[in-house]
């Protein structure tokens, strides 16, 4: 009996945790990602962020965490707390935020919260799935055009704040990953946000 459960544990696929507060939206994301999950040999697990991920068994391998926010801000304390707890539970697992909002402040807060990716819901589904593959395989995906619009506050000599464009560093990273379109062995390049100056 122990050999059977040990074998089942070895056959268990890594999880992709899909966290979303709305049940219908969770179902839609799972439907969109079904074929993708099969191609990547991962199991999709939908969770309500309010309940956390405590129901996920100990010893489970997590290949990717995805937090789908809709129009909710990533800056909300509950959202940041969920991201922090996810990274504590799965420190080696990449985390991606999917959101309706795509303003620069939201992207930077997600990055500072430990996310390796930020995918606006305005992204075409095929591109979003490719981005998820890229992130799951060690890459980072952030919309660079959004980051370039980030305002920052500068103190002038009189001590009054004045807004000006942020200085953002973008680098080109390359990682091996398999495309969801079936191409193998290609080098996939993306731009990733690596830092800012204040």
N, C-alpha and C. Protein backbone atom coordinates (compact mmCIF):
# COMPACT_ATOMS: atom_id res chain seq x y z
N UNK A 1 0.82 -1.20 0.00
CA UNK A 1 0.00 0.00 0.00
C UNK A 1 0.86 1.26 0.00
N UNK A 2 1.95 1.22 0.79
CA UNK A 2 2.86 2.38 0.86
C UNK A 2 3.52 2.62 -0.48
N UNK A 3 3.83 1.51 -1.21
CA UNK A 3 4.47 1.64 -2.52
C UNK A 3 3.54 2.33 -3.51
N UNK A 4 2.22 2.04 -3.41
CA UNK A 4 1.25 2.65 -4.31
C UNK A 4 1.17 4.15 -4.06
N UNK A 5 1.08 4.57 -2.78
CA UNK A 5 0.99 6.00 -2.49
C UNK A 5 2.28 6.72 -2.84
N UNK A 6 3.43 6.03 -2.68
CA UNK A 6 4.71 6.62 -3.06
C UNK A 6 4.77 6.82 -4.57
N UNK A 7 4.29 5.84 -5.31
CA UNK A 7 4.25 5.94 -6.77
C UNK A 7 3.32 7.06 -7.22
N UNK A 8 2.17 7.19 -6.54
CA UNK A 8 1.22 8.26 -6.88
C UNK A 8 1.84 9.63 -6.63
N UNK A 9 2.62 9.75 -5.55
CA UNK A 9 3.28 11.02 -5.24
C UNK A 9 4.30 11.37 -6.31
N UNK A 10 5.00 10.35 -6.82
CA UNK A 10 6.00 10.60 -7.86
C UNK A 10 5.34 11.01 -9.17
N UNK A 11 4.12 10.46 -9.43
CA UNK A 11 3.42 10.77 -10.67
C UNK A 11 2.66 12.10 -10.61
N UNK A 12 2.55 12.70 -9.44
CA UNK A 12 1.79 13.94 -9.28
C UNK A 12 2.46 15.06 -10.07
N UNK A 13 1.66 15.71 -10.85
CA UNK A 13 2.20 16.81 -11.66
C UNK A 13 2.38 18.06 -10.80
N UNK A 14 3.35 18.91 -11.16
CA UNK A 14 3.48 20.18 -10.44
C UNK A 14 2.22 21.02 -10.63
N UNK A 15 1.92 21.83 -9.64
CA UNK A 15 0.72 22.67 -9.68
C UNK A 15 0.99 24.02 -10.30
N UNK A 16 -0.01 24.53 -10.99
CA UNK A 16 -0.10 25.95 -11.31
C UNK A 16 -1.29 26.45 -10.50
N UNK A 17 -0.99 27.28 -9.50
CA UNK A 17 -2.03 27.78 -8.60
C UNK A 17 -2.64 29.02 -9.23
N UNK A 18 -3.96 28.97 -9.49
CA UNK A 18 -4.68 30.09 -10.08
C UNK A 18 -5.56 30.69 -8.99
N UNK A 19 -5.16 31.85 -8.48
CA UNK A 19 -5.90 32.50 -7.40
C UNK A 19 -6.75 33.63 -7.97
N UNK A 20 -8.03 33.59 -7.67
CA UNK A 20 -8.96 34.61 -8.14
C UNK A 20 -10.13 34.63 -7.17
N UNK A 21 -10.57 35.82 -6.79
CA UNK A 21 -11.65 35.95 -5.81
C UNK A 21 -13.01 35.56 -6.37
N UNK A 22 -13.16 35.59 -7.70
CA UNK A 22 -14.47 35.33 -8.31
C UNK A 22 -14.50 33.94 -8.95
N UNK A 23 -15.51 33.15 -8.56
CA UNK A 23 -15.59 31.77 -9.01
C UNK A 23 -15.76 31.64 -10.52
N UNK A 24 -16.61 32.46 -11.12
CA UNK A 24 -16.84 32.38 -12.56
C UNK A 24 -15.58 32.76 -13.33
N UNK A 25 -14.87 33.77 -12.85
CA UNK A 25 -13.63 34.18 -13.51
C UNK A 25 -12.57 33.09 -13.38
N UNK A 26 -12.50 32.44 -12.20
CA UNK A 26 -11.57 31.31 -12.02
C UNK A 26 -11.86 30.23 -13.04
N UNK A 27 -13.16 29.91 -13.23
CA UNK A 27 -13.55 28.87 -14.18
C UNK A 27 -13.13 29.25 -15.60
N UNK A 28 -13.29 30.53 -15.96
CA UNK A 28 -12.89 30.99 -17.29
C UNK A 28 -11.39 30.86 -17.52
N UNK A 29 -10.61 31.20 -16.51
CA UNK A 29 -9.15 31.09 -16.63
C UNK A 29 -8.74 29.63 -16.76
N UNK A 30 -9.36 28.76 -15.95
CA UNK A 30 -9.04 27.33 -16.04
C UNK A 30 -9.37 26.78 -17.42
N UNK A 31 -10.49 27.22 -17.98
CA UNK A 31 -10.89 26.77 -19.31
C UNK A 31 -9.87 27.22 -20.37
N UNK A 32 -9.46 28.48 -20.27
CA UNK A 32 -8.47 29.01 -21.21
C UNK A 32 -7.14 28.26 -21.11
N UNK A 33 -6.76 27.88 -19.89
CA UNK A 33 -5.44 27.29 -19.67
C UNK A 33 -5.40 25.77 -19.75
N UNK A 34 -6.55 25.12 -19.98
CA UNK A 34 -6.61 23.66 -19.96
C UNK A 34 -5.64 22.98 -20.91
N UNK A 35 -5.69 23.35 -22.16
CA UNK A 35 -4.81 22.74 -23.16
C UNK A 35 -3.35 23.08 -22.87
N UNK A 36 -3.10 24.32 -22.47
CA UNK A 36 -1.75 24.77 -22.11
C UNK A 36 -1.19 23.91 -20.98
N UNK A 37 -2.03 23.65 -19.96
CA UNK A 37 -1.59 22.84 -18.81
C UNK A 37 -1.22 21.43 -19.26
N UNK A 38 -2.02 20.84 -20.14
CA UNK A 38 -1.71 19.51 -20.64
C UNK A 38 -0.39 19.48 -21.39
N UNK A 39 -0.15 20.49 -22.20
CA UNK A 39 1.10 20.55 -22.97
C UNK A 39 2.31 20.70 -22.06
N UNK A 40 2.14 21.37 -20.93
CA UNK A 40 3.26 21.60 -20.01
C UNK A 40 3.31 20.58 -18.87
N UNK A 41 2.38 19.63 -18.89
CA UNK A 41 2.33 18.58 -17.88
C UNK A 41 2.26 19.14 -16.46
N UNK A 42 1.35 20.10 -16.28
CA UNK A 42 1.10 20.66 -14.96
C UNK A 42 -0.38 20.52 -14.64
N UNK A 43 -0.69 20.55 -13.35
CA UNK A 43 -2.08 20.48 -12.90
C UNK A 43 -2.52 21.88 -12.48
N UNK A 44 -3.68 22.29 -12.94
CA UNK A 44 -4.22 23.59 -12.55
C UNK A 44 -4.99 23.43 -11.24
N UNK A 45 -4.77 24.36 -10.30
CA UNK A 45 -5.51 24.34 -9.04
C UNK A 45 -6.04 25.73 -8.77
N UNK A 46 -7.37 25.87 -8.80
CA UNK A 46 -8.00 27.16 -8.55
C UNK A 46 -8.20 27.35 -7.05
N UNK A 47 -7.86 28.54 -6.56
CA UNK A 47 -8.06 28.86 -5.14
C UNK A 47 -8.64 30.26 -5.02
N UNK A 48 -9.35 30.47 -3.94
CA UNK A 48 -9.85 31.80 -3.59
C UNK A 48 -8.76 32.46 -2.74
N UNK A 49 -8.23 33.62 -3.15
CA UNK A 49 -7.16 34.24 -2.37
C UNK A 49 -7.56 34.54 -0.93
N UNK A 50 -8.85 34.76 -0.67
CA UNK A 50 -9.29 35.02 0.70
C UNK A 50 -9.09 33.80 1.59
N UNK A 51 -9.16 32.61 0.99
CA UNK A 51 -8.94 31.38 1.74
C UNK A 51 -7.47 30.99 1.74
N UNK A 52 -6.69 31.67 0.93
CA UNK A 52 -5.27 31.35 0.83
C UNK A 52 -5.04 30.09 0.03
N UNK A 53 -3.92 29.48 0.26
CA UNK A 53 -3.55 28.25 -0.44
C UNK A 53 -3.23 27.19 0.59
N UNK A 54 -3.74 27.36 1.80
CA UNK A 54 -3.45 26.42 2.88
C UNK A 54 -3.99 25.03 2.59
N UNK A 55 -5.00 24.92 1.70
CA UNK A 55 -5.55 23.61 1.38
C UNK A 55 -4.64 22.80 0.47
N UNK A 56 -3.61 23.42 -0.06
CA UNK A 56 -2.67 22.69 -0.91
C UNK A 56 -1.78 21.84 0.00
N UNK A 57 -1.67 20.57 -0.34
CA UNK A 57 -0.96 19.61 0.49
C UNK A 57 0.51 19.99 0.66
N UNK A 58 1.05 19.69 1.83
CA UNK A 58 2.48 19.88 2.06
C UNK A 58 3.27 18.99 1.12
N UNK A 59 4.42 19.45 0.70
CA UNK A 59 5.26 18.68 -0.21
C UNK A 59 4.88 18.81 -1.67
N UNK A 60 3.83 19.58 -1.95
CA UNK A 60 3.41 19.79 -3.34
C UNK A 60 4.39 20.70 -4.05
N UNK A 61 4.72 20.35 -5.27
CA UNK A 61 5.57 21.19 -6.09
C UNK A 61 4.70 22.20 -6.83
N UNK A 62 5.05 23.46 -6.73
CA UNK A 62 4.30 24.51 -7.42
C UNK A 62 5.18 25.06 -8.55
N UNK A 63 4.72 24.92 -9.78
CA UNK A 63 5.47 25.39 -10.94
C UNK A 63 5.26 26.88 -11.20
N UNK A 64 4.09 27.40 -10.78
CA UNK A 64 3.75 28.79 -11.07
C UNK A 64 2.56 29.20 -10.21
N UNK A 65 2.60 30.42 -9.72
CA UNK A 65 1.45 31.01 -9.05
C UNK A 65 0.92 32.14 -9.90
N UNK A 66 -0.40 32.19 -10.06
CA UNK A 66 -1.01 33.25 -10.86
C UNK A 66 -2.10 33.90 -10.04
N UNK A 67 -1.99 35.20 -9.84
CA UNK A 67 -2.98 35.96 -9.09
C UNK A 67 -3.75 36.83 -10.06
N UNK A 68 -5.02 36.51 -10.27
CA UNK A 68 -5.87 37.23 -11.20
C UNK A 68 -6.70 38.23 -10.39
N UNK A 69 -6.46 39.52 -10.60
CA UNK A 69 -7.06 40.56 -9.77
C UNK A 69 -8.28 41.23 -10.38
N UNK A 70 -8.52 41.07 -11.67
CA UNK A 70 -9.56 41.86 -12.30
C UNK A 70 -9.18 43.33 -12.20
N UNK A 71 -10.14 44.18 -11.78
CA UNK A 71 -9.83 45.61 -11.68
C UNK A 71 -9.34 46.01 -10.29
N UNK A 72 -9.23 45.06 -9.40
CA UNK A 72 -8.73 45.34 -8.05
C UNK A 72 -7.26 45.76 -8.10
N UNK A 73 -6.87 46.67 -7.23
CA UNK A 73 -5.49 47.15 -7.22
C UNK A 73 -4.57 46.15 -6.53
N UNK A 74 -3.39 46.00 -7.07
CA UNK A 74 -2.38 45.16 -6.46
C UNK A 74 -1.88 45.77 -5.15
N UNK A 75 -2.11 47.07 -4.95
CA UNK A 75 -1.63 47.77 -3.76
C UNK A 75 -2.47 47.50 -2.51
N UNK A 76 -3.60 46.83 -2.63
CA UNK A 76 -4.43 46.55 -1.46
C UNK A 76 -3.69 45.64 -0.49
N UNK A 77 -3.80 45.90 0.81
CA UNK A 77 -3.07 45.09 1.80
C UNK A 77 -3.34 43.59 1.68
N UNK A 78 -4.59 43.19 1.40
CA UNK A 78 -4.90 41.76 1.27
C UNK A 78 -4.16 41.13 0.09
N UNK A 79 -4.06 41.88 -1.00
CA UNK A 79 -3.35 41.37 -2.18
C UNK A 79 -1.87 41.21 -1.89
N UNK A 80 -1.26 42.23 -1.31
CA UNK A 80 0.17 42.16 -0.98
C UNK A 80 0.44 41.06 0.03
N UNK A 81 -0.48 40.86 0.98
CA UNK A 81 -0.31 39.80 1.97
C UNK A 81 -0.37 38.44 1.31
N UNK A 82 -1.31 38.25 0.35
CA UNK A 82 -1.39 36.97 -0.35
C UNK A 82 -0.10 36.70 -1.12
N UNK A 83 0.42 37.72 -1.78
CA UNK A 83 1.66 37.55 -2.53
C UNK A 83 2.81 37.18 -1.59
N UNK A 84 2.88 37.85 -0.45
CA UNK A 84 3.94 37.56 0.52
C UNK A 84 3.83 36.12 1.03
N UNK A 85 2.61 35.70 1.39
CA UNK A 85 2.43 34.34 1.89
C UNK A 85 2.72 33.29 0.82
N UNK A 86 2.37 33.59 -0.43
CA UNK A 86 2.68 32.65 -1.52
C UNK A 86 4.19 32.48 -1.64
N UNK A 87 4.93 33.60 -1.61
CA UNK A 87 6.39 33.53 -1.76
C UNK A 87 7.04 32.85 -0.54
N UNK A 88 6.43 32.98 0.61
CA UNK A 88 6.96 32.26 1.79
C UNK A 88 6.73 30.76 1.66
N UNK A 89 5.56 30.39 1.17
CA UNK A 89 5.23 28.96 1.04
C UNK A 89 5.96 28.31 -0.12
N UNK A 90 6.10 29.04 -1.23
CA UNK A 90 6.75 28.51 -2.43
C UNK A 90 7.86 29.47 -2.87
N UNK A 91 8.96 29.56 -2.12
CA UNK A 91 9.98 30.58 -2.41
C UNK A 91 10.64 30.45 -3.78
N UNK A 92 10.66 29.24 -4.33
CA UNK A 92 11.32 29.05 -5.63
C UNK A 92 10.35 29.10 -6.80
N UNK A 93 9.08 29.34 -6.53
CA UNK A 93 8.08 29.33 -7.59
C UNK A 93 7.83 30.74 -8.11
N UNK A 94 7.81 30.91 -9.42
CA UNK A 94 7.51 32.25 -9.96
C UNK A 94 6.06 32.62 -9.74
N UNK A 95 5.82 33.91 -9.64
CA UNK A 95 4.49 34.44 -9.40
C UNK A 95 4.18 35.48 -10.46
N UNK A 96 2.99 35.41 -11.03
CA UNK A 96 2.57 36.37 -12.05
C UNK A 96 1.24 37.00 -11.63
N UNK A 97 1.11 38.30 -11.86
CA UNK A 97 -0.13 39.02 -11.60
C UNK A 97 -0.82 39.27 -12.93
N UNK A 98 -2.11 38.97 -13.00
CA UNK A 98 -2.93 39.27 -14.17
C UNK A 98 -3.98 40.29 -13.71
N UNK A 99 -4.10 41.40 -14.42
CA UNK A 99 -4.99 42.46 -13.94
C UNK A 99 -5.54 43.29 -15.08
N UNK A 100 -6.73 43.87 -14.83
CA UNK A 100 -7.32 44.80 -15.78
C UNK A 100 -6.54 46.11 -15.80
N UNK A 101 -6.07 46.52 -14.65
CA UNK A 101 -5.29 47.76 -14.56
C UNK A 101 -3.90 47.49 -15.11
N UNK A 102 -3.39 48.44 -15.88
CA UNK A 102 -2.04 48.26 -16.41
C UNK A 102 -1.20 49.52 -16.25
N UNK A 103 -1.61 50.39 -15.31
CA UNK A 103 -0.83 51.60 -15.11
C UNK A 103 0.50 51.25 -14.43
N UNK A 104 1.46 52.10 -14.63
CA UNK A 104 2.83 51.82 -14.22
C UNK A 104 2.96 51.55 -12.73
N UNK A 105 2.21 52.29 -11.92
CA UNK A 105 2.31 52.10 -10.48
C UNK A 105 1.92 50.69 -10.08
N UNK A 106 0.88 50.14 -10.71
CA UNK A 106 0.44 48.78 -10.41
C UNK A 106 1.53 47.77 -10.76
N UNK A 107 2.15 47.96 -11.91
CA UNK A 107 3.20 47.03 -12.36
C UNK A 107 4.38 47.06 -11.39
N UNK A 108 4.80 48.24 -10.98
CA UNK A 108 5.94 48.36 -10.08
C UNK A 108 5.63 47.77 -8.71
N UNK A 109 4.41 47.97 -8.21
CA UNK A 109 4.03 47.40 -6.91
C UNK A 109 4.06 45.88 -6.99
N UNK A 110 3.58 45.32 -8.11
CA UNK A 110 3.63 43.86 -8.29
C UNK A 110 5.07 43.38 -8.29
N UNK A 111 5.94 44.10 -8.99
CA UNK A 111 7.36 43.74 -9.05
C UNK A 111 7.97 43.78 -7.65
N UNK A 112 7.71 44.85 -6.93
CA UNK A 112 8.25 44.98 -5.57
C UNK A 112 7.68 43.92 -4.63
N UNK A 113 6.47 43.45 -4.93
CA UNK A 113 5.84 42.41 -4.12
C UNK A 113 6.35 41.01 -4.41
N UNK A 114 7.26 40.88 -5.36
CA UNK A 114 7.86 39.58 -5.65
C UNK A 114 7.39 38.91 -6.92
N UNK A 115 6.56 39.59 -7.70
CA UNK A 115 6.07 38.98 -8.94
C UNK A 115 7.16 38.96 -10.01
N UNK A 116 7.22 37.87 -10.75
CA UNK A 116 8.13 37.76 -11.89
C UNK A 116 7.46 38.16 -13.20
N UNK A 117 6.18 38.49 -13.11
CA UNK A 117 5.47 38.88 -14.32
C UNK A 117 4.20 39.65 -14.00
N UNK A 118 3.79 40.44 -14.98
CA UNK A 118 2.54 41.21 -14.90
C UNK A 118 1.93 41.17 -16.29
N UNK A 119 0.74 40.57 -16.39
CA UNK A 119 0.08 40.43 -17.69
C UNK A 119 -1.25 41.18 -17.64
N UNK A 120 -1.37 42.28 -18.38
CA UNK A 120 -2.67 42.98 -18.45
C UNK A 120 -3.70 42.10 -19.16
N UNK A 121 -4.97 42.20 -18.76
CA UNK A 121 -6.01 41.40 -19.40
C UNK A 121 -6.31 41.86 -20.82
N UNK A 122 -5.73 42.98 -21.23
CA UNK A 122 -5.87 43.41 -22.63
C UNK A 122 -4.95 42.62 -23.55
N UNK A 123 -4.09 41.77 -22.99
CA UNK A 123 -3.16 40.96 -23.77
C UNK A 123 -3.92 39.87 -24.53
N UNK A 124 -3.53 39.61 -25.76
CA UNK A 124 -4.15 38.53 -26.54
C UNK A 124 -3.90 37.19 -25.83
N UNK A 125 -4.89 36.31 -25.80
CA UNK A 125 -4.73 35.04 -25.08
C UNK A 125 -3.50 34.24 -25.48
N UNK A 126 -3.19 34.16 -26.77
CA UNK A 126 -2.03 33.37 -27.19
C UNK A 126 -0.73 33.97 -26.65
N UNK A 127 -0.66 35.30 -26.59
CA UNK A 127 0.53 35.96 -26.04
C UNK A 127 0.59 35.75 -24.54
N UNK A 128 -0.56 35.83 -23.86
CA UNK A 128 -0.59 35.60 -22.41
C UNK A 128 -0.12 34.20 -22.07
N UNK A 129 -0.55 33.20 -22.83
CA UNK A 129 -0.12 31.83 -22.57
C UNK A 129 1.38 31.66 -22.83
N UNK A 130 1.89 32.33 -23.87
CA UNK A 130 3.33 32.28 -24.11
C UNK A 130 4.09 32.95 -22.98
N UNK A 131 3.55 34.06 -22.47
CA UNK A 131 4.19 34.75 -21.35
C UNK A 131 4.20 33.86 -20.11
N UNK A 132 3.10 33.14 -19.86
CA UNK A 132 3.06 32.22 -18.72
C UNK A 132 4.11 31.12 -18.86
N UNK A 133 4.27 30.60 -20.06
CA UNK A 133 5.30 29.58 -20.31
C UNK A 133 6.69 30.16 -20.03
N UNK A 134 6.90 31.36 -20.51
CA UNK A 134 8.19 32.02 -20.34
C UNK A 134 8.51 32.24 -18.86
N UNK A 135 7.53 32.73 -18.11
CA UNK A 135 7.72 32.98 -16.68
C UNK A 135 7.94 31.67 -15.93
N UNK A 136 7.16 30.65 -16.27
CA UNK A 136 7.29 29.36 -15.59
C UNK A 136 8.65 28.74 -15.82
N UNK A 137 9.28 29.07 -16.94
CA UNK A 137 10.59 28.53 -17.27
C UNK A 137 11.73 29.46 -16.88
N UNK A 138 11.46 30.42 -16.00
CA UNK A 138 12.54 31.24 -15.44
C UNK A 138 12.65 32.65 -15.98
N UNK A 139 11.80 33.04 -16.90
CA UNK A 139 11.86 34.40 -17.45
C UNK A 139 11.02 35.38 -16.65
N UNK A 140 11.11 36.63 -17.01
CA UNK A 140 10.29 37.68 -16.42
C UNK A 140 9.56 38.40 -17.54
N UNK A 141 8.32 38.80 -17.28
CA UNK A 141 7.51 39.46 -18.30
C UNK A 141 6.79 40.63 -17.67
N UNK A 142 7.20 41.83 -18.04
CA UNK A 142 6.55 43.06 -17.59
C UNK A 142 6.36 43.95 -18.81
N UNK A 143 5.23 44.64 -18.92
CA UNK A 143 5.02 45.54 -20.07
C UNK A 143 5.91 46.78 -19.97
N UNK A 144 6.98 46.85 -20.76
CA UNK A 144 7.92 47.96 -20.62
C UNK A 144 7.35 49.32 -20.94
N UNK A 145 6.41 49.39 -21.87
CA UNK A 145 5.81 50.67 -22.20
C UNK A 145 5.11 51.29 -21.00
N UNK A 146 4.52 50.44 -20.17
CA UNK A 146 3.86 50.92 -18.97
C UNK A 146 4.86 51.47 -17.98
N UNK A 147 5.96 50.78 -17.81
CA UNK A 147 6.96 51.20 -16.84
C UNK A 147 7.60 52.52 -17.22
N UNK A 148 7.72 52.79 -18.50
CA UNK A 148 8.34 54.03 -18.93
C UNK A 148 7.49 55.25 -18.62
N UNK A 149 6.18 55.04 -18.37
CA UNK A 149 5.29 56.17 -18.05
C UNK A 149 5.23 56.44 -16.55
N UNK A 150 5.99 55.67 -15.75
CA UNK A 150 5.92 55.83 -14.30
C UNK A 150 6.41 57.19 -13.87
N UNK A 151 5.56 57.98 -13.17
CA UNK A 151 6.03 59.26 -12.65
C UNK A 151 6.79 59.05 -11.35
N UNK A 152 7.66 59.97 -11.03
CA UNK A 152 8.33 59.92 -9.74
C UNK A 152 8.37 61.31 -9.15
N UNK A 153 8.58 61.38 -7.86
CA UNK A 153 8.59 62.65 -7.17
C UNK A 153 10.03 63.06 -6.89
N UNK A 154 10.37 64.29 -7.22
CA UNK A 154 11.70 64.81 -6.96
C UNK A 154 11.57 66.02 -6.05
N UNK A 155 12.41 66.09 -5.06
CA UNK A 155 12.41 67.25 -4.16
C UNK A 155 13.31 68.33 -4.76
N UNK A 156 12.74 69.52 -4.93
CA UNK A 156 13.57 70.62 -5.43
C UNK A 156 14.24 71.31 -4.25
N UNK A 157 15.00 72.34 -4.51
CA UNK A 157 15.76 73.01 -3.47
C UNK A 157 14.87 73.65 -2.41
N UNK A 158 13.64 73.97 -2.77
CA UNK A 158 12.71 74.58 -1.81
C UNK A 158 11.99 73.50 -0.98
N UNK A 159 12.26 72.23 -1.31
CA UNK A 159 11.64 71.16 -0.56
C UNK A 159 10.26 70.77 -1.06
N UNK A 160 9.81 71.37 -2.14
CA UNK A 160 8.50 71.03 -2.69
C UNK A 160 8.65 69.91 -3.70
N UNK A 161 7.69 69.00 -3.70
CA UNK A 161 7.75 67.88 -4.63
C UNK A 161 7.34 68.30 -6.03
N UNK A 162 8.02 67.75 -7.01
CA UNK A 162 7.68 68.03 -8.41
C UNK A 162 7.75 66.70 -9.15
N UNK A 163 6.78 66.45 -10.03
CA UNK A 163 6.73 65.17 -10.73
C UNK A 163 7.53 65.25 -12.02
N UNK A 164 8.24 64.17 -12.28
CA UNK A 164 8.93 64.06 -13.57
C UNK A 164 8.99 62.58 -13.93
N UNK A 165 9.35 62.31 -15.15
CA UNK A 165 9.37 60.91 -15.61
C UNK A 165 10.42 60.12 -14.84
N UNK A 166 10.08 58.88 -14.53
CA UNK A 166 11.02 58.03 -13.80
C UNK A 166 12.14 57.57 -14.71
N UNK A 167 13.26 57.31 -14.13
CA UNK A 167 14.36 56.71 -14.86
C UNK A 167 14.25 55.21 -14.67
N UNK A 168 14.03 54.48 -15.74
CA UNK A 168 13.78 53.05 -15.66
C UNK A 168 14.84 52.31 -16.45
N UNK A 169 15.35 51.25 -15.88
CA UNK A 169 16.34 50.44 -16.57
C UNK A 169 15.64 49.21 -17.13
N UNK A 170 15.78 48.97 -18.42
CA UNK A 170 15.22 47.79 -19.05
C UNK A 170 16.36 46.98 -19.64
N UNK A 171 16.33 45.68 -19.44
CA UNK A 171 17.35 44.83 -20.04
C UNK A 171 16.65 43.73 -20.83
N UNK A 172 17.37 43.19 -21.79
CA UNK A 172 16.85 42.11 -22.60
C UNK A 172 17.37 40.81 -22.01
N UNK A 173 16.45 39.89 -21.66
CA UNK A 173 16.88 38.61 -21.12
C UNK A 173 16.48 37.51 -22.06
N UNK A 174 17.25 36.45 -22.07
CA UNK A 174 16.96 35.32 -22.94
C UNK A 174 16.98 34.05 -22.11
N UNK A 175 15.99 33.20 -22.32
CA UNK A 175 15.89 31.92 -21.64
C UNK A 175 15.38 30.90 -22.65
N UNK A 176 15.78 29.65 -22.45
CA UNK A 176 15.20 28.58 -23.26
C UNK A 176 13.81 28.28 -22.72
N UNK A 177 12.84 28.22 -23.60
CA UNK A 177 11.51 27.76 -23.18
C UNK A 177 10.77 27.26 -24.40
N UNK A 178 9.82 26.39 -24.15
CA UNK A 178 9.02 25.84 -25.24
C UNK A 178 7.79 26.71 -25.43
N UNK A 179 7.56 27.12 -26.64
CA UNK A 179 6.41 27.96 -26.95
C UNK A 179 5.14 27.13 -26.91
N UNK A 180 4.03 27.78 -26.58
CA UNK A 180 2.75 27.08 -26.58
C UNK A 180 2.30 26.77 -28.01
N UNK A 181 2.97 27.33 -28.99
CA UNK A 181 2.62 27.04 -30.37
C UNK A 181 3.35 25.81 -30.89
N UNK A 182 4.16 25.17 -30.00
CA UNK A 182 4.79 23.92 -30.38
C UNK A 182 6.21 24.05 -30.89
N UNK A 183 6.75 25.25 -30.92
CA UNK A 183 8.13 25.39 -31.37
C UNK A 183 9.04 25.01 -30.21
N UNK A 184 10.06 24.23 -30.48
CA UNK A 184 10.97 23.83 -29.42
C UNK A 184 12.37 24.29 -29.76
N UNK A 185 13.17 24.50 -28.72
CA UNK A 185 14.56 24.86 -28.93
C UNK A 185 14.79 26.32 -29.29
N UNK A 186 13.74 27.11 -29.39
CA UNK A 186 13.92 28.52 -29.72
C UNK A 186 14.40 29.30 -28.51
N UNK A 187 15.13 30.36 -28.74
CA UNK A 187 15.52 31.26 -27.67
C UNK A 187 14.45 32.34 -27.61
N UNK A 188 13.75 32.44 -26.49
CA UNK A 188 12.66 33.41 -26.36
C UNK A 188 13.18 34.62 -25.60
N UNK A 189 13.12 35.78 -26.21
CA UNK A 189 13.60 36.99 -25.54
C UNK A 189 12.44 37.86 -25.12
N UNK A 190 12.56 38.47 -23.96
CA UNK A 190 11.56 39.40 -23.47
C UNK A 190 12.28 40.54 -22.78
N UNK A 191 11.59 41.66 -22.60
CA UNK A 191 12.14 42.74 -21.81
C UNK A 191 11.66 42.56 -20.39
N UNK A 192 12.54 42.81 -19.46
CA UNK A 192 12.16 42.71 -18.07
C UNK A 192 12.56 43.98 -17.33
N UNK A 193 11.74 44.37 -16.40
CA UNK A 193 12.03 45.54 -15.58
C UNK A 193 12.99 45.11 -14.49
N UNK A 194 14.13 45.77 -14.37
CA UNK A 194 15.12 45.35 -13.40
C UNK A 194 15.35 46.35 -12.28
N UNK A 195 14.89 47.55 -12.40
CA UNK A 195 15.13 48.48 -11.29
C UNK A 195 14.70 49.87 -11.66
N UNK A 196 14.80 50.75 -10.70
CA UNK A 196 14.46 52.15 -10.90
C UNK A 196 15.31 52.99 -9.99
N UNK A 197 15.42 54.24 -10.32
CA UNK A 197 16.14 55.18 -9.47
C UNK A 197 15.15 56.16 -8.89
N UNK A 198 15.29 56.46 -7.61
CA UNK A 198 14.37 57.41 -6.98
C UNK A 198 15.08 58.72 -6.67
